[in-house]
Amino acid sequence: MMGGFIVTIVIALIAGWLGNNIIIRQTPQDIWEACVVALPAAWIGAYMPYFNTFGPKIMDIALVPTFLFALAAAVIFKVVKKVVKQAS
């Protein structure tokens, strides 16, 4: 059980970093914010009933949906943060 949680954290960190690098003009603190946002999304992707059967698994964690959910959350977070910053 703990191994799956660690795999989910590692995937969230990678996806948060990648999502942060997709959007230009980031700062180092934004990387950690994106990773924090990606963690719950990675957890949802890992354990959601239909999606967790897709792709290869490590310690019962489906890698593809976990990564895709975390990446989507990180990118959406960055876009929303950028829009809010420009609006203010």
Protein backbone atom coordinates (compact mmCIF):
# COMPACT_ATOMS: atom_id res chain seq x y z
CA MET A 1 0.00 0.00 0.00
CA MET A 2 2.74 2.46 0.90
CA GLY A 3 4.65 1.62 -2.29
CA GLY A 4 1.65 2.62 -4.40
CA PHE A 5 1.40 5.93 -2.58
CA ILE A 6 5.08 6.61 -3.22
CA VAL A 7 4.65 5.76 -6.92
CA THR A 8 1.70 8.19 -7.05
CA ILE A 9 3.79 10.95 -5.45
CA VAL A 10 6.65 10.40 -7.90
CA ILE A 11 4.26 10.51 -10.86
CA ALA A 12 2.64 13.69 -9.49
CA LEU A 13 6.05 15.35 -9.12
CA ILE A 14 7.03 14.46 -12.68
CA ALA A 15 3.66 15.56 -14.08
CA GLY A 16 3.71 18.79 -12.06
CA TRP A 17 7.19 19.60 -13.34
CA LEU A 18 6.19 18.80 -16.92
CA GLY A 19 2.94 20.77 -16.63
CA ASN A 20 4.87 23.71 -15.24
CA ASN A 21 7.29 23.61 -18.17
CA ILE A 22 4.50 23.57 -20.75
CA ILE A 23 3.41 27.07 -19.69
CA ILE A 24 6.07 29.75 -20.19
CA ARG A 25 7.16 32.33 -17.60
CA GLN A 26 7.22 30.15 -14.54
CA THR A 27 9.09 30.69 -11.30
CA PRO A 28 10.63 28.00 -9.11
CA GLN A 29 7.82 28.23 -6.55
CA ASP A 30 5.31 27.51 -9.32
CA ILE A 31 6.86 24.08 -9.81
CA TRP A 32 5.98 23.08 -6.25
CA GLU A 33 2.49 24.55 -6.53
CA ALA A 34 1.90 22.56 -9.72
CA CYS A 35 3.15 19.39 -8.01
CA VAL A 36 0.82 19.94 -5.05
CA VAL A 37 -2.11 20.37 -7.43
CA ALA A 38 -1.05 17.31 -9.42
CA LEU A 39 -0.96 15.02 -6.38
CA PRO A 40 -4.72 14.74 -5.75
CA ALA A 41 -5.32 14.43 -9.48
CA ALA A 42 -2.77 11.62 -9.69
CA TRP A 43 -4.48 9.90 -6.80
CA ILE A 44 -7.86 10.20 -8.54
CA GLY A 45 -6.40 8.85 -11.78
CA ALA A 46 -4.78 5.96 -9.97
CA TYR A 47 -7.89 4.79 -8.15
CA MET A 48 -10.83 5.83 -10.35
CA PRO A 49 -12.73 2.63 -11.20
CA TYR A 50 -12.83 2.70 -15.01
CA PHE A 51 -9.53 4.44 -15.66
CA ASN A 52 -7.34 2.36 -13.36
CA THR A 53 -7.56 -0.61 -15.74
CA PHE A 54 -5.82 1.23 -18.60
CA GLY A 55 -2.11 0.88 -19.25
CA PRO A 56 0.76 -0.73 -17.38
CA LYS A 57 0.73 -0.92 -13.59
CA ILE A 58 3.34 -0.62 -10.88
CA MET A 59 2.20 -1.76 -7.42
CA ASP A 60 -1.45 -1.70 -8.61
CA ILE A 61 -1.11 1.93 -9.77
CA ALA A 62 -2.10 2.41 -13.41
CA LEU A 63 0.60 4.66 -14.78
CA VAL A 64 -1.13 6.17 -17.82
CA PRO A 65 -4.29 7.57 -16.16
CA THR A 66 -2.32 8.65 -13.10
CA PHE A 67 0.11 10.63 -15.24
CA LEU A 68 -2.60 12.06 -17.53
CA PHE A 69 -4.80 13.24 -14.65
CA ALA A 70 -1.83 14.82 -12.86
CA LEU A 71 -0.56 16.50 -16.02
CA ALA A 72 -4.00 17.87 -16.87
CA ALA A 73 -4.42 19.25 -13.34
CA ALA A 74 -1.00 20.92 -13.42
CA VAL A 75 -1.61 22.52 -16.82
CA ILE A 76 -5.12 23.70 -15.87
CA PHE A 77 -3.74 25.14 -12.63
CA LYS A 78 -1.02 27.03 -14.49
CA VAL A 79 -3.45 28.40 -17.09
CA VAL A 80 -5.96 29.54 -14.45
CA LYS A 81 -3.18 31.12 -12.37
CA LYS A 82 -1.87 32.95 -15.44
CA VAL A 83 -5.34 34.24 -16.38
CA VAL A 84 -6.04 35.41 -12.83
CA LYS A 85 -2.66 37.15 -12.66
CA GLN A 86 -3.30 38.96 -15.95
CA ALA A 87 -6.78 39.99 -14.86
CA SER A 88 -5.56 41.64 -11.68
